Amino acid sequence: MDIRILVNNRPVDAYLTLPASGKGPGVLVLHAWWGLKPFFKQVCDELAEQGFVALAPDLYHGPVAATIDQAKSLMEAADSHLMGDTVMAAKDFLFAHPARSGERLGAVGVSMGAAWSLVAATKSPEQFGAVVAFYGAGEAEFSKMQAKYMGHFGDADEWESMEWVRWMADAMKTAGVDTTLFIYPGLAHWFVESDRPEYDPAAAALAWERTFTFLRDSL
């Protein structure tokens, strides 16, 4: 369902789904540079079907891109401080939600959202038990991270080099983070997004199956 959360005392759009049981572990869904397009709401719906309470905040506060050029412009023009505040406000909202159960949250970040999931998990380490990233690497104070990490990457990704991804994974492991990396041969960026030409149904199904199992086991 479409809801609003407060960010710096201002209402911001978000999408919330609850499992049929009425309660479940909370998962924060952080969208890619497109904005909060229908695909990311579908991710929340699927997480709810798997028994999770899922929340996707609108990090752009309104706009949604239809093309790569539009998305690039949106991301470059975005206020990173406000985006960070939105991520953390959404985390607080989800953590306090009466339907959420368990001790810790999960985060699922896609591309740009993957970097924000690392920020959240290192800023509030005691509140996150699992982070899942889809083709988005990032830097953070990994030594603070208590969450287990799972990453899904294509080795033909022109936007995220394997060298950078492996550097991040090595840095995580060195910092003591429980790190699992899956590399999908021949796949490009956006391979799990069903509204993109790069979409690979078989790889996406496998990645989501791995993700759901990982979230259940970790949370």
N, C-alpha and C. Protein backbone atom coordinates (compact mmCIF):
# COMPACT_ATOMS: atom_id res chain seq x y z
N MET A 1 0.84 -1.19 0.00
CA MET A 1 0.00 0.00 0.00
C MET A 1 0.88 1.25 0.00
N ASP A 2 0.38 2.29 -0.67
CA ASP A 2 1.09 3.56 -0.68
C ASP A 2 0.86 4.26 0.65
N ILE A 3 1.94 4.70 1.27
CA ILE A 3 1.83 5.39 2.55
C ILE A 3 2.74 6.63 2.51
N ARG A 4 2.78 7.35 3.63
CA ARG A 4 3.71 8.47 3.76
C ARG A 4 4.45 8.33 5.07
N ILE A 5 5.73 8.63 5.03
CA ILE A 5 6.54 8.65 6.24
C ILE A 5 7.07 10.07 6.42
N LEU A 6 7.45 10.39 7.63
CA LEU A 6 7.98 11.73 7.89
C LEU A 6 9.51 11.73 7.78
N VAL A 7 10.02 12.65 6.98
CA VAL A 7 11.47 12.85 6.84
C VAL A 7 11.74 14.31 7.14
N ASN A 8 12.45 14.57 8.21
CA ASN A 8 12.70 15.95 8.65
C ASN A 8 11.38 16.72 8.78
N ASN A 9 10.37 16.04 9.35
CA ASN A 9 9.04 16.62 9.59
C ASN A 9 8.26 16.94 8.32
N ARG A 10 8.68 16.34 7.20
CA ARG A 10 7.93 16.51 5.95
C ARG A 10 7.49 15.15 5.45
N PRO A 11 6.25 15.04 4.91
CA PRO A 11 5.76 13.75 4.42
C PRO A 11 6.45 13.34 3.12
N VAL A 12 6.83 12.07 3.06
CA VAL A 12 7.49 11.51 1.88
C VAL A 12 6.79 10.19 1.52
N ASP A 13 6.59 9.98 0.23
CA ASP A 13 5.92 8.76 -0.23
C ASP A 13 6.77 7.52 0.04
N ALA A 14 6.09 6.43 0.33
CA ALA A 14 6.74 5.13 0.51
C ALA A 14 5.72 4.05 0.18
N TYR A 15 6.20 2.83 0.06
CA TYR A 15 5.31 1.70 -0.24
C TYR A 15 5.55 0.62 0.80
N LEU A 16 4.46 0.16 1.43
CA LEU A 16 4.55 -0.80 2.52
C LEU A 16 3.70 -2.03 2.20
N THR A 17 4.24 -3.22 2.45
CA THR A 17 3.46 -4.45 2.30
C THR A 17 3.61 -5.30 3.54
N LEU A 18 2.52 -5.96 3.91
CA LEU A 18 2.49 -6.84 5.08
C LEU A 18 2.20 -8.26 4.64
N PRO A 19 2.78 -9.24 5.33
CA PRO A 19 2.51 -10.64 4.99
C PRO A 19 1.09 -11.04 5.40
N ALA A 20 0.60 -12.13 4.82
CA ALA A 20 -0.75 -12.60 5.12
C ALA A 20 -0.91 -12.92 6.60
N SER A 21 0.16 -13.35 7.25
CA SER A 21 0.10 -13.68 8.68
C SER A 21 -0.06 -12.45 9.56
N GLY A 22 0.19 -11.27 8.98
CA GLY A 22 0.07 -10.03 9.74
C GLY A 22 1.34 -9.58 10.43
N LYS A 23 2.31 -10.49 10.57
CA LYS A 23 3.59 -10.14 11.21
C LYS A 23 4.74 -10.82 10.49
N GLY A 24 5.92 -10.22 10.57
CA GLY A 24 7.09 -10.84 9.96
C GLY A 24 8.30 -9.95 10.11
N PRO A 25 9.48 -10.48 9.81
CA PRO A 25 10.69 -9.66 9.86
C PRO A 25 10.61 -8.49 8.87
N GLY A 26 11.22 -7.38 9.23
CA GLY A 26 11.18 -6.19 8.38
C GLY A 26 12.32 -6.17 7.37
N VAL A 27 11.99 -5.77 6.13
CA VAL A 27 13.00 -5.62 5.09
C VAL A 27 12.84 -4.25 4.43
N LEU A 28 13.92 -3.48 4.46
CA LEU A 28 13.95 -2.16 3.82
C LEU A 28 14.38 -2.34 2.37
N VAL A 29 13.58 -1.86 1.43
CA VAL A 29 13.88 -1.99 0.00
C VAL A 29 14.31 -0.62 -0.53
N LEU A 30 15.53 -0.54 -1.06
CA LEU A 30 16.09 0.73 -1.52
C LEU A 30 16.29 0.68 -3.04
N HIS A 31 15.57 1.57 -3.72
CA HIS A 31 15.47 1.50 -5.18
C HIS A 31 16.73 1.97 -5.91
N ALA A 32 16.80 1.63 -7.17
CA ALA A 32 17.89 2.06 -8.06
C ALA A 32 17.66 3.50 -8.51
N TRP A 33 18.52 3.99 -9.38
CA TRP A 33 18.50 5.40 -9.79
C TRP A 33 17.28 5.81 -10.59
N TRP A 34 16.39 4.85 -10.90
CA TRP A 34 15.16 5.19 -11.62
C TRP A 34 14.17 5.95 -10.75
N GLY A 35 14.23 5.75 -9.44
CA GLY A 35 13.18 6.22 -8.55
C GLY A 35 12.29 5.06 -8.13
N LEU A 36 11.23 5.38 -7.42
CA LEU A 36 10.35 4.33 -6.89
C LEU A 36 9.35 3.91 -7.98
N LYS A 37 9.87 3.21 -8.98
CA LYS A 37 9.03 2.74 -10.09
C LYS A 37 8.26 1.48 -9.66
N PRO A 38 7.24 1.07 -10.45
CA PRO A 38 6.42 -0.07 -10.07
C PRO A 38 7.20 -1.34 -9.75
N PHE A 39 8.32 -1.59 -10.41
CA PHE A 39 9.09 -2.80 -10.15
C PHE A 39 9.47 -2.93 -8.68
N PHE A 40 9.87 -1.82 -8.05
CA PHE A 40 10.33 -1.90 -6.66
C PHE A 40 9.16 -2.12 -5.69
N LYS A 41 7.97 -1.68 -6.11
CA LYS A 41 6.78 -2.01 -5.32
C LYS A 41 6.47 -3.51 -5.45
N GLN A 42 6.71 -4.05 -6.66
CA GLN A 42 6.52 -5.50 -6.86
C GLN A 42 7.48 -6.30 -5.98
N VAL A 43 8.70 -5.79 -5.81
CA VAL A 43 9.67 -6.46 -4.92
C VAL A 43 9.10 -6.53 -3.51
N CYS A 44 8.50 -5.41 -3.05
CA CYS A 44 7.88 -5.41 -1.73
C CYS A 44 6.75 -6.43 -1.65
N ASP A 45 5.94 -6.49 -2.70
CA ASP A 45 4.83 -7.45 -2.74
C ASP A 45 5.35 -8.89 -2.63
N GLU A 46 6.42 -9.17 -3.35
CA GLU A 46 6.99 -10.53 -3.34
C GLU A 46 7.60 -10.85 -1.97
N LEU A 47 8.22 -9.86 -1.35
CA LEU A 47 8.76 -10.08 0.00
C LEU A 47 7.64 -10.37 0.99
N ALA A 48 6.51 -9.68 0.84
CA ALA A 48 5.37 -9.94 1.73
C ALA A 48 4.84 -11.36 1.52
N GLU A 49 4.83 -11.82 0.27
CA GLU A 49 4.40 -13.19 -0.02
C GLU A 49 5.33 -14.21 0.65
N GLN A 50 6.58 -13.81 0.87
CA GLN A 50 7.56 -14.69 1.52
C GLN A 50 7.54 -14.53 3.05
N GLY A 51 6.64 -13.69 3.55
CA GLY A 51 6.49 -13.57 5.00
C GLY A 51 7.13 -12.36 5.65
N PHE A 52 7.58 -11.40 4.83
CA PHE A 52 8.27 -10.23 5.37
C PHE A 52 7.38 -8.99 5.34
N VAL A 53 7.66 -8.07 6.25
CA VAL A 53 7.10 -6.72 6.19
C VAL A 53 8.10 -5.88 5.40
N ALA A 54 7.69 -5.36 4.25
CA ALA A 54 8.64 -4.69 3.35
C ALA A 54 8.25 -3.22 3.17
N LEU A 55 9.25 -2.35 3.21
CA LEU A 55 9.04 -0.91 3.05
C LEU A 55 10.03 -0.35 2.05
N ALA A 56 9.52 0.35 1.03
CA ALA A 56 10.37 1.01 0.04
C ALA A 56 10.11 2.52 0.08
N PRO A 57 11.04 3.31 0.60
CA PRO A 57 10.86 4.76 0.60
C PRO A 57 11.21 5.35 -0.76
N ASP A 58 10.59 6.48 -1.09
CA ASP A 58 10.89 7.19 -2.33
C ASP A 58 12.07 8.13 -2.06
N LEU A 59 13.25 7.71 -2.47
CA LEU A 59 14.47 8.48 -2.18
C LEU A 59 14.54 9.77 -2.97
N TYR A 60 13.79 9.86 -4.07
CA TYR A 60 13.79 11.08 -4.89
C TYR A 60 12.64 12.03 -4.55
N HIS A 61 11.73 11.59 -3.69
CA HIS A 61 10.59 12.43 -3.29
C HIS A 61 9.75 12.85 -4.50
N GLY A 62 9.47 11.91 -5.38
CA GLY A 62 8.54 12.21 -6.47
C GLY A 62 8.92 11.71 -7.85
N PRO A 63 10.01 12.23 -8.45
CA PRO A 63 10.28 11.90 -9.85
C PRO A 63 10.64 10.44 -10.08
N VAL A 64 10.28 9.93 -11.25
CA VAL A 64 10.65 8.59 -11.69
C VAL A 64 11.17 8.70 -13.12
N ALA A 65 12.33 8.10 -13.38
CA ALA A 65 12.95 8.18 -14.70
C ALA A 65 12.47 7.05 -15.61
N ALA A 66 12.34 7.36 -16.89
CA ALA A 66 11.95 6.36 -17.88
C ALA A 66 13.15 5.91 -18.73
N THR A 67 14.21 6.72 -18.74
CA THR A 67 15.39 6.41 -19.55
C THR A 67 16.65 6.49 -18.70
N ILE A 68 17.74 5.93 -19.22
CA ILE A 68 19.02 5.98 -18.52
C ILE A 68 19.47 7.43 -18.33
N ASP A 69 19.31 8.25 -19.36
CA ASP A 69 19.73 9.65 -19.26
C ASP A 69 18.95 10.38 -18.18
N GLN A 70 17.63 10.13 -18.12
CA GLN A 70 16.81 10.76 -17.08
C GLN A 70 17.25 10.29 -15.69
N ALA A 71 17.52 8.99 -15.56
CA ALA A 71 17.93 8.44 -14.27
C ALA A 71 19.26 9.02 -13.82
N LYS A 72 20.18 9.14 -14.77
CA LYS A 72 21.49 9.71 -14.45
C LYS A 72 21.34 11.15 -13.96
N SER A 73 20.48 11.92 -14.65
CA SER A 73 20.26 13.31 -14.24
C SER A 73 19.62 13.39 -12.86
N LEU A 74 18.67 12.50 -12.60
CA LEU A 74 18.01 12.50 -11.29
C LEU A 74 19.00 12.21 -10.17
N MET A 75 19.85 11.20 -10.39
CA MET A 75 20.80 10.82 -9.36
C MET A 75 21.82 11.94 -9.12
N GLU A 76 22.28 12.57 -10.20
CA GLU A 76 23.28 13.63 -10.08
C GLU A 76 22.70 14.87 -9.39
N ALA A 77 21.40 15.10 -9.60
CA ALA A 77 20.76 16.30 -9.03
C ALA A 77 20.26 16.07 -7.60
N ALA A 78 20.24 14.83 -7.16
CA ALA A 78 19.66 14.51 -5.85
C ALA A 78 20.51 15.06 -4.71
N ASP A 79 19.84 15.43 -3.64
CA ASP A 79 20.49 15.91 -2.42
C ASP A 79 20.86 14.67 -1.60
N SER A 80 22.15 14.35 -1.55
CA SER A 80 22.58 13.11 -0.90
C SER A 80 22.27 13.12 0.60
N HIS A 81 22.33 14.29 1.22
CA HIS A 81 22.01 14.36 2.65
C HIS A 81 20.53 14.04 2.89
N LEU A 82 19.68 14.58 2.02
CA LEU A 82 18.25 14.31 2.15
C LEU A 82 17.93 12.84 1.85
N MET A 83 18.64 12.27 0.88
CA MET A 83 18.45 10.85 0.59
C MET A 83 18.86 10.01 1.79
N GLY A 84 19.97 10.36 2.40
CA GLY A 84 20.41 9.64 3.59
C GLY A 84 19.41 9.77 4.73
N ASP A 85 18.88 10.97 4.91
CA ASP A 85 17.86 11.18 5.94
C ASP A 85 16.62 10.34 5.65
N THR A 86 16.27 10.21 4.36
CA THR A 86 15.10 9.43 3.97
C THR A 86 15.30 7.96 4.27
N VAL A 87 16.50 7.45 3.96
CA VAL A 87 16.83 6.04 4.25
C VAL A 87 16.70 5.77 5.75
N MET A 88 17.27 6.64 6.56
CA MET A 88 17.27 6.40 8.00
C MET A 88 15.88 6.60 8.62
N ALA A 89 15.10 7.55 8.08
CA ALA A 89 13.73 7.73 8.57
C ALA A 89 12.88 6.51 8.23
N ALA A 90 13.09 5.95 7.02
CA ALA A 90 12.36 4.74 6.63
C ALA A 90 12.76 3.57 7.52
N LYS A 91 14.05 3.49 7.84
CA LYS A 91 14.53 2.44 8.74
C LYS A 91 13.86 2.55 10.10
N ASP A 92 13.78 3.76 10.62
CA ASP A 92 13.15 3.98 11.92
C ASP A 92 11.67 3.61 11.89
N PHE A 93 10.99 4.01 10.81
CA PHE A 93 9.56 3.71 10.65
C PHE A 93 9.33 2.20 10.63
N LEU A 94 10.14 1.50 9.85
CA LEU A 94 9.99 0.06 9.72
C LEU A 94 10.32 -0.65 11.04
N PHE A 95 11.38 -0.21 11.69
CA PHE A 95 11.80 -0.85 12.94
C PHE A 95 10.71 -0.73 14.01
N ALA A 96 10.00 0.40 13.99
CA ALA A 96 8.97 0.66 15.01
C ALA A 96 7.59 0.11 14.61
N HIS A 97 7.46 -0.41 13.40
CA HIS A 97 6.14 -0.84 12.92
C HIS A 97 5.63 -2.03 13.74
N PRO A 98 4.37 -1.99 14.17
CA PRO A 98 3.84 -3.06 15.02
C PRO A 98 3.79 -4.43 14.34
N ALA A 99 3.79 -4.47 13.02
CA ALA A 99 3.75 -5.76 12.31
C ALA A 99 5.13 -6.40 12.20
N ARG A 100 6.18 -5.61 12.47
CA ARG A 100 7.53 -6.15 12.30
C ARG A 100 7.91 -7.01 13.51
N SER A 101 8.48 -8.17 13.23
CA SER A 101 8.92 -9.06 14.31
C SER A 101 10.43 -9.31 14.19
N GLY A 102 10.99 -9.91 15.24
CA GLY A 102 12.42 -10.21 15.23
C GLY A 102 13.25 -9.08 15.79
N GLU A 103 14.54 -9.34 15.92
CA GLU A 103 15.43 -8.37 16.54
C GLU A 103 16.03 -7.38 15.55
N ARG A 104 16.18 -7.82 14.29
CA ARG A 104 16.89 -6.98 13.33
C ARG A 104 16.17 -6.91 11.99
N LEU A 105 16.54 -5.89 11.22
CA LEU A 105 15.98 -5.67 9.89
C LEU A 105 16.87 -6.29 8.82
N GLY A 106 16.28 -6.50 7.66
CA GLY A 106 17.05 -6.80 6.46
C GLY A 106 16.99 -5.59 5.54
N ALA A 107 17.92 -5.52 4.61
CA ALA A 107 17.89 -4.48 3.58
C ALA A 107 18.13 -5.13 2.22
N VAL A 108 17.36 -4.72 1.23
CA VAL A 108 17.57 -5.15 -0.15
C VAL A 108 17.80 -3.88 -0.95
N GLY A 109 19.02 -3.70 -1.45
CA GLY A 109 19.35 -2.51 -2.23
C GLY A 109 19.70 -2.86 -3.66
N VAL A 110 19.16 -2.08 -4.59
CA VAL A 110 19.38 -2.35 -6.01
C VAL A 110 20.19 -1.20 -6.61
N SER A 111 21.36 -1.51 -7.15
CA SER A 111 22.24 -0.54 -7.80
C SER A 111 22.50 0.64 -6.85
N MET A 112 21.99 1.82 -7.14
CA MET A 112 22.19 2.97 -6.24
C MET A 112 21.73 2.64 -4.82
N GLY A 113 20.62 1.94 -4.70
CA GLY A 113 20.10 1.56 -3.40
C GLY A 113 21.00 0.61 -2.64
N ALA A 114 21.83 -0.14 -3.37
CA ALA A 114 22.75 -1.07 -2.72
C ALA A 114 23.78 -0.31 -1.89
N ALA A 115 24.26 0.80 -2.43
CA ALA A 115 25.22 1.62 -1.69
C ALA A 115 24.57 2.20 -0.44
N TRP A 116 23.30 2.61 -0.56
CA TRP A 116 22.59 3.16 0.60
C TRP A 116 22.33 2.08 1.65
N SER A 117 22.16 0.84 1.22
CA SER A 117 21.95 -0.24 2.20
C SER A 117 23.19 -0.44 3.06
N LEU A 118 24.37 -0.25 2.47
CA LEU A 118 25.61 -0.35 3.25
C LEU A 118 25.73 0.81 4.23
N VAL A 119 25.32 2.00 3.81
CA VAL A 119 25.33 3.15 4.70
C VAL A 119 24.44 2.89 5.91
N ALA A 120 23.22 2.40 5.65
CA ALA A 120 22.28 2.13 6.74
C ALA A 120 22.83 1.08 7.70
N ALA A 121 23.41 0.01 7.13
CA ALA A 121 23.88 -1.11 7.95
C ALA A 121 25.13 -0.76 8.75
N THR A 122 25.85 0.28 8.36
CA THR A 122 27.02 0.69 9.14
C THR A 122 26.71 1.87 10.06
N LYS A 123 25.66 2.64 9.74
CA LYS A 123 25.24 3.72 10.64
C LYS A 123 24.44 3.19 11.82
N SER A 124 23.65 2.14 11.58
CA SER A 124 22.84 1.52 12.65
C SER A 124 23.11 0.02 12.67
N PRO A 125 24.36 -0.37 12.97
CA PRO A 125 24.75 -1.77 12.82
C PRO A 125 23.94 -2.74 13.67
N GLU A 126 23.51 -2.28 14.85
CA GLU A 126 22.80 -3.18 15.76
C GLU A 126 21.37 -3.46 15.28
N GLN A 127 20.91 -2.71 14.27
CA GLN A 127 19.53 -2.88 13.82
C GLN A 127 19.41 -3.70 12.54
N PHE A 128 20.53 -4.07 11.93
CA PHE A 128 20.48 -4.82 10.67
C PHE A 128 21.14 -6.19 10.80
N GLY A 129 20.43 -7.22 10.36
CA GLY A 129 20.96 -8.57 10.40
C GLY A 129 21.34 -9.12 9.05
N ALA A 130 20.87 -8.47 7.97
CA ALA A 130 21.15 -8.98 6.62
C ALA A 130 21.07 -7.84 5.61
N VAL A 131 22.01 -7.82 4.67
CA VAL A 131 22.00 -6.87 3.56
C VAL A 131 22.15 -7.66 2.27
N VAL A 132 21.24 -7.40 1.32
CA VAL A 132 21.32 -8.01 -0.01
C VAL A 132 21.50 -6.89 -1.02
N ALA A 133 22.52 -7.02 -1.87
CA ALA A 133 22.79 -6.01 -2.89
C ALA A 133 22.69 -6.63 -4.28
N PHE A 134 22.01 -5.92 -5.17
CA PHE A 134 21.95 -6.32 -6.56
C PHE A 134 22.76 -5.32 -7.38
N TYR A 135 23.81 -5.82 -8.00
CA TYR A 135 24.72 -5.07 -8.90
C TYR A 135 24.98 -3.62 -8.48
N GLY A 136 25.28 -3.47 -7.19
CA GLY A 136 25.70 -2.17 -6.68
C GLY A 136 26.71 -2.37 -5.57
N ALA A 137 27.93 -1.89 -5.77
CA ALA A 137 28.97 -1.98 -4.74
C ALA A 137 29.11 -0.62 -4.08
N GLY A 138 29.83 -0.57 -2.98
CA GLY A 138 30.01 0.71 -2.30
C GLY A 138 31.09 0.62 -1.24
N GLU A 139 31.44 1.78 -0.72
CA GLU A 139 32.41 1.86 0.38
C GLU A 139 31.67 2.24 1.65
N ALA A 140 32.10 1.70 2.76
CA ALA A 140 31.53 2.03 4.06
C ALA A 140 32.51 1.57 5.14
N GLU A 141 32.21 1.92 6.38
CA GLU A 141 33.04 1.45 7.49
C GLU A 141 32.64 0.02 7.83
N PHE A 142 33.15 -0.91 7.03
CA PHE A 142 32.71 -2.30 7.14
C PHE A 142 33.00 -2.92 8.51
N SER A 143 34.00 -2.37 9.21
CA SER A 143 34.32 -2.91 10.53
C SER A 143 33.17 -2.70 11.52
N LYS A 144 32.27 -1.75 11.20
CA LYS A 144 31.11 -1.50 12.07
C LYS A 144 29.94 -2.42 11.75
N MET A 145 29.99 -3.08 10.62
CA MET A 145 28.84 -3.81 10.11
C MET A 145 28.65 -5.13 10.85
N GLN A 146 27.43 -5.35 11.36
CA GLN A 146 27.10 -6.60 12.03
C GLN A 146 26.24 -7.51 11.15
N ALA A 147 25.67 -6.95 10.10
CA ALA A 147 24.80 -7.72 9.21
C ALA A 147 25.60 -8.66 8.33
N LYS A 148 25.00 -9.80 7.99
CA LYS A 148 25.56 -10.66 6.94
C LYS A 148 25.26 -10.01 5.59
N TYR A 149 26.13 -10.28 4.61
CA TYR A 149 26.01 -9.63 3.30
C TYR A 149 25.90 -10.67 2.19
N MET A 150 24.98 -10.42 1.24
CA MET A 150 24.90 -11.23 0.03
C MET A 150 24.82 -10.29 -1.18
N GLY A 151 25.68 -10.50 -2.15
CA GLY A 151 25.70 -9.66 -3.35
C GLY A 151 25.48 -10.46 -4.61
N HIS A 152 24.72 -9.88 -5.55
CA HIS A 152 24.44 -10.50 -6.84
C HIS A 152 24.95 -9.58 -7.95
N PHE A 153 25.88 -10.09 -8.76
CA PHE A 153 26.50 -9.26 -9.79
C PHE A 153 26.65 -10.03 -11.10
N GLY A 154 26.52 -9.33 -12.23
CA GLY A 154 26.79 -9.92 -13.53
C GLY A 154 28.20 -9.57 -13.96
N ASP A 155 28.90 -10.52 -14.59
CA ASP A 155 30.31 -10.24 -14.94
C ASP A 155 30.44 -9.51 -16.28
N ALA A 156 29.30 -9.19 -16.92
CA ALA A 156 29.35 -8.37 -18.14
C ALA A 156 28.69 -7.01 -17.88
N ASP A 157 28.83 -6.54 -16.65
CA ASP A 157 28.19 -5.29 -16.20
C ASP A 157 29.09 -4.11 -16.54
N GLU A 158 28.62 -3.25 -17.44
CA GLU A 158 29.44 -2.10 -17.84
C GLU A 158 29.39 -0.97 -16.82
N TRP A 159 28.48 -1.07 -15.85
CA TRP A 159 28.32 -0.01 -14.85
C TRP A 159 29.03 -0.32 -13.53
N GLU A 160 29.34 -1.58 -13.31
CA GLU A 160 29.96 -1.99 -12.04
C GLU A 160 31.03 -3.03 -12.34
N SER A 161 32.30 -2.63 -12.27
CA SER A 161 33.38 -3.52 -12.68
C SER A 161 33.59 -4.64 -11.65
N MET A 162 33.98 -5.81 -12.15
CA MET A 162 34.27 -6.94 -11.27
C MET A 162 35.43 -6.62 -10.33
N GLU A 163 36.37 -5.81 -10.80
CA GLU A 163 37.52 -5.43 -9.96
C GLU A 163 37.04 -4.68 -8.72
N TRP A 164 36.12 -3.75 -8.91
CA TRP A 164 35.57 -2.95 -7.81
C TRP A 164 34.74 -3.83 -6.88
N VAL A 165 33.92 -4.71 -7.47
CA VAL A 165 33.07 -5.61 -6.67
C VAL A 165 33.94 -6.51 -5.79
N ARG A 166 34.99 -7.08 -6.38
CA ARG A 166 35.85 -7.99 -5.62
C ARG A 166 36.66 -7.23 -4.57
N TRP A 167 37.03 -5.99 -4.87
CA TRP A 167 37.70 -5.16 -3.84
C TRP A 167 36.78 -5.00 -2.64
N MET A 168 35.51 -4.65 -2.91
CA MET A 168 34.55 -4.45 -1.82
C MET A 168 34.37 -5.73 -1.00
N ALA A 169 34.20 -6.86 -1.69
CA ALA A 169 33.99 -8.14 -1.00
C ALA A 169 35.20 -8.49 -0.14
N ASP A 170 36.40 -8.26 -0.67
CA ASP A 170 37.63 -8.53 0.10
C ASP A 170 37.72 -7.62 1.33
N ALA A 171 37.34 -6.34 1.14
CA ALA A 171 37.38 -5.39 2.26
C ALA A 171 36.39 -5.80 3.35
N MET A 172 35.24 -6.29 2.92
CA MET A 172 34.25 -6.76 3.89
C MET A 172 34.77 -7.96 4.68
N LYS A 173 35.32 -8.92 3.95
CA LYS A 173 35.82 -10.13 4.61
C LYS A 173 36.94 -9.79 5.58
N THR A 174 37.84 -8.88 5.17
CA THR A 174 38.94 -8.45 6.02
C THR A 174 38.40 -7.81 7.30
N ALA A 175 37.26 -7.11 7.18
CA ALA A 175 36.65 -6.45 8.34
C ALA A 175 35.80 -7.40 9.19
N GLY A 176 35.73 -8.66 8.75
CA GLY A 176 35.00 -9.64 9.54
C GLY A 176 33.54 -9.80 9.19
N VAL A 177 33.12 -9.23 8.05
CA VAL A 177 31.72 -9.35 7.64
C VAL A 177 31.49 -10.71 6.97
N ASP A 178 30.43 -11.39 7.36
CA ASP A 178 30.02 -12.65 6.72
C ASP A 178 29.54 -12.30 5.32
N THR A 179 30.34 -12.62 4.30
CA THR A 179 30.12 -12.13 2.94
C THR A 179 29.92 -13.28 1.94
N THR A 180 28.82 -13.22 1.20
CA THR A 180 28.55 -14.18 0.13
C THR A 180 28.36 -13.42 -1.17
N LEU A 181 29.11 -13.83 -2.20
CA LEU A 181 29.05 -13.15 -3.50
C LEU A 181 28.64 -14.15 -4.57
N PHE A 182 27.64 -13.79 -5.35
CA PHE A 182 27.24 -14.60 -6.50
C PHE A 182 27.50 -13.82 -7.77
N ILE A 183 28.25 -14.44 -8.69
CA ILE A 183 28.55 -13.82 -9.98
C ILE A 183 27.78 -14.57 -11.07
N TYR A 184 27.03 -13.82 -11.87
CA TYR A 184 26.18 -14.42 -12.91
C TYR A 184 26.84 -14.19 -14.27
N PRO A 185 27.32 -15.27 -14.91
CA PRO A 185 28.11 -15.14 -16.14
C PRO A 185 27.33 -14.50 -17.29
N GLY A 186 27.98 -13.53 -17.94
CA GLY A 186 27.44 -12.96 -19.17
C GLY A 186 26.30 -11.99 -18.98
N LEU A 187 25.97 -11.65 -17.72
CA LEU A 187 24.81 -10.79 -17.50
C LEU A 187 25.22 -9.35 -17.24
N ALA A 188 24.33 -8.44 -17.69
CA ALA A 188 24.56 -7.01 -17.57
C ALA A 188 23.87 -6.46 -16.32
N HIS A 189 24.06 -5.18 -16.10
CA HIS A 189 23.36 -4.45 -15.04
C HIS A 189 21.86 -4.60 -15.25
N TRP A 190 21.08 -4.51 -14.16
CA TRP A 190 19.61 -4.54 -14.22
C TRP A 190 19.03 -5.90 -14.60
N PHE A 191 19.80 -6.97 -14.43
CA PHE A 191 19.33 -8.28 -14.92
C PHE A 191 18.17 -8.86 -14.12
N VAL A 192 17.87 -8.31 -12.93
CA VAL A 192 16.71 -8.81 -12.19
C VAL A 192 15.46 -7.95 -12.39
N GLU A 193 15.60 -6.84 -13.09
CA GLU A 193 14.46 -5.92 -13.24
C GLU A 193 13.62 -6.29 -14.46
N SER A 194 12.41 -6.76 -14.20
CA SER A 194 11.57 -7.35 -15.23
C SER A 194 11.09 -6.35 -16.29
N ASP A 195 11.26 -5.04 -16.02
CA ASP A 195 10.85 -4.03 -16.98
C ASP A 195 12.03 -3.50 -17.81
N ARG A 196 13.17 -4.17 -17.71
CA ARG A 196 14.37 -3.74 -18.44
C ARG A 196 14.75 -4.76 -19.51
N PRO A 197 15.32 -4.29 -20.64
CA PRO A 197 15.74 -5.23 -21.70
C PRO A 197 16.86 -6.17 -21.25
N GLU A 198 17.61 -5.79 -20.21
CA GLU A 198 18.70 -6.64 -19.70
C GLU A 198 18.18 -7.79 -18.83
N TYR A 199 16.90 -7.80 -18.56
CA TYR A 199 16.29 -8.79 -17.65
C TYR A 199 16.57 -10.22 -18.11
N ASP A 200 16.99 -11.05 -17.16
CA ASP A 200 17.22 -12.47 -17.43
C ASP A 200 16.34 -13.26 -16.46
N PRO A 201 15.24 -13.84 -16.94
CA PRO A 201 14.27 -14.48 -16.04
C PRO A 201 14.87 -15.61 -15.20
N ALA A 202 15.71 -16.45 -15.80
CA ALA A 202 16.27 -17.58 -15.06
C ALA A 202 17.21 -17.10 -13.96
N ALA A 203 18.08 -16.17 -14.30
CA ALA A 203 19.02 -15.65 -13.30
C ALA A 203 18.29 -14.87 -12.21
N ALA A 204 17.27 -14.12 -12.60
CA ALA A 204 16.50 -13.36 -11.61
C ALA A 204 15.80 -14.29 -10.63
N ALA A 205 15.20 -15.36 -11.16
CA ALA A 205 14.51 -16.33 -10.29
C ALA A 205 15.49 -16.96 -9.30
N LEU A 206 16.68 -17.32 -9.78
CA LEU A 206 17.70 -17.91 -8.92
C LEU A 206 18.17 -16.90 -7.86
N ALA A 207 18.39 -15.66 -8.29
CA ALA A 207 18.86 -14.62 -7.36
C ALA A 207 17.82 -14.36 -6.27
N TRP A 208 16.56 -14.31 -6.64
CA TRP A 208 15.51 -14.07 -5.64
C TRP A 208 15.35 -15.26 -4.70
N GLU A 209 15.45 -16.46 -5.25
CA GLU A 209 15.37 -17.66 -4.40
C GLU A 209 16.48 -17.64 -3.35
N ARG A 210 17.70 -17.31 -3.79
CA ARG A 210 18.83 -17.21 -2.87
C ARG A 210 18.60 -16.10 -1.84
N THR A 211 18.03 -15.00 -2.30
CA THR A 211 17.79 -13.86 -1.42
C THR A 211 16.77 -14.18 -0.35
N PHE A 212 15.65 -14.78 -0.74
CA PHE A 212 14.60 -15.10 0.23
C PHE A 212 15.11 -16.07 1.28
N THR A 213 15.87 -17.07 0.86
CA THR A 213 16.42 -18.05 1.80
C THR A 213 17.39 -17.37 2.76
N PHE A 214 18.25 -16.53 2.22
CA PHE A 214 19.23 -15.80 3.02
C PHE A 214 18.54 -14.89 4.06
N LEU A 215 17.51 -14.18 3.65
CA LEU A 215 16.80 -13.30 4.57
C LEU A 215 16.10 -14.11 5.67
N ARG A 216 15.49 -15.21 5.29
CA ARG A 216 14.82 -16.06 6.29
C ARG A 216 15.83 -16.59 7.31
N ASP A 217 16.96 -17.08 6.81
CA ASP A 217 17.98 -17.67 7.68
C ASP A 217 18.64 -16.61 8.58
N SER A 218 18.77 -15.39 8.06
CA SER A 218 19.51 -14.35 8.80
C SER A 218 18.62 -13.59 9.77
N LEU A 219 17.32 -13.53 9.48
CA LEU A 219 16.43 -12.69 10.30
C LEU A 219 15.52 -13.53 11.19
